Protein backbone atom coordinates (compact mmCIF):
# COMPACT_ATOMS: atom_id res chain seq x y z
CA MET A 1 6.39 11.25 117.18
CA THR A 2 3.31 10.62 116.73
CA LEU A 3 0.55 12.51 114.24
CA LYS A 4 -2.80 12.33 114.24
CA LEU A 5 -4.25 13.36 110.28
CA PRO A 6 -8.22 13.97 110.50
CA GLU A 7 -8.83 11.31 107.52
CA THR A 8 -9.11 13.90 104.01
CA LEU A 9 -5.77 14.92 105.01
CA ARG A 10 -4.76 11.55 105.40
CA ARG A 11 -5.95 10.68 102.30
CA GLY A 12 -4.55 13.50 100.37
CA VAL A 13 -1.40 12.64 102.20
CA GLU A 14 -0.55 9.27 101.72
CA GLU A 15 -1.91 9.82 97.36
CA GLU A 16 0.69 12.91 97.17
CA ALA A 17 3.97 10.41 98.61
CA ARG A 18 2.37 7.04 96.43
CA ARG A 19 2.03 9.68 93.64
CA ARG A 20 5.77 11.17 94.23
CA GLY A 21 6.98 7.55 95.42
CA VAL A 22 8.03 8.48 98.77
CA PRO A 23 7.26 7.41 102.31
CA LYS A 24 4.67 9.87 104.19
CA SER A 25 6.90 10.60 106.66
CA VAL A 26 9.28 12.32 103.77
CA LEU A 27 6.46 14.27 102.21
CA VAL A 28 5.42 15.60 106.34
CA ARG A 29 8.55 16.18 106.54
CA GLU A 30 9.67 18.61 103.17
CA CYS A 31 5.97 20.39 104.43
CA VAL A 32 6.65 21.13 107.44
CA GLU A 33 10.45 22.19 106.70
CA ALA A 34 9.03 24.66 103.75
CA MET A 35 6.56 25.95 106.26
CA LEU A 36 8.98 26.99 109.03
CA ARG A 37 11.31 27.90 105.85
CA ARG A 38 8.15 30.60 104.99
CA LYS A 39 7.81 31.67 108.55
CA GLN A 40 11.47 32.89 109.21
CA ARG A 41 10.86 34.64 105.83
CA ARG A 42 8.29 36.17 107.39
CA LYS A 43 10.13 37.63 109.90
CA LEU A 44 11.46 40.87 108.32
CA PRO A 45 9.91 43.57 109.83
CA THR A 46 7.64 45.26 108.41
CA CYS A 47 6.32 49.77 108.47
CA LEU A 48 4.57 49.30 111.68
CA ASP A 49 6.99 47.34 113.11
CA LEU A 50 9.66 50.16 112.59
CA VAL A 51 8.36 52.99 113.28
CA GLY A 52 6.26 51.28 115.98
CA ASP A 53 7.67 53.63 119.08
CA LEU A 54 6.22 57.24 117.16
CA VAL A 55 2.52 55.77 116.79
CA GLY A 56 0.51 57.88 118.88
CA SER A 57 3.21 60.43 119.76
CA GLN A 58 1.85 63.38 117.65
CA PRO A 59 -0.18 66.21 118.78
CA GLY A 60 -3.78 66.52 117.52
CA PRO A 61 -7.40 64.77 117.92
CA ARG A 62 -7.17 60.70 117.47
CA ASP A 63 -9.02 60.76 114.44
CA ALA A 64 -6.30 63.50 112.31
CA SER A 65 -6.17 61.08 109.42
CA VAL A 66 -9.84 60.75 108.84
CA ASN A 67 -10.78 64.38 109.83
CA ARG A 68 -10.87 66.40 106.47
CA ARG A 69 -11.68 69.90 108.32
CA TYR A 70 -8.23 68.38 110.06
CA LEU A 71 -6.34 67.17 107.06
CA GLU A 72 -7.37 70.49 104.96
CA GLU A 73 -5.15 72.20 108.63
CA ALA A 74 -2.53 70.28 107.95
CA VAL A 75 -2.02 70.73 104.03
CA LEU A 76 -2.65 74.33 104.47
CA ALA A 77 0.04 74.83 106.64
CA ASP A 78 2.57 72.16 105.08
CA HIS A 79 1.93 74.49 101.85
CA GLY A 80 2.96 77.94 104.58
CA ARG A 81 5.82 76.41 106.64
CA ALA A 82 7.59 74.86 102.76
CA ARG A 83 6.66 78.20 101.27
CA LYS A 84 8.34 80.33 103.25
CA ASN A 85 11.28 77.88 104.36
CA SER A 86 12.10 78.17 100.07
CA ARG A 87 12.58 82.00 100.03
């Protein structure tokens, strides 16, 4: 495999390899392996991944999460249901 790096990155790799006393190929391999491990760990599902099929499935205005009037109405409606259910 051939790897072409910009001059500044090449110099950085050479300096770090020299500082650690390892060949440049070892340093590059370790960096690639570390990046792939991080990427694999990030594959855990996000909250959006978990509820993605529900997004947009509820009726109501498109601005329901930011429309102050709608939010106030929703809170009042929820509190009314909570009182009825608690009796």
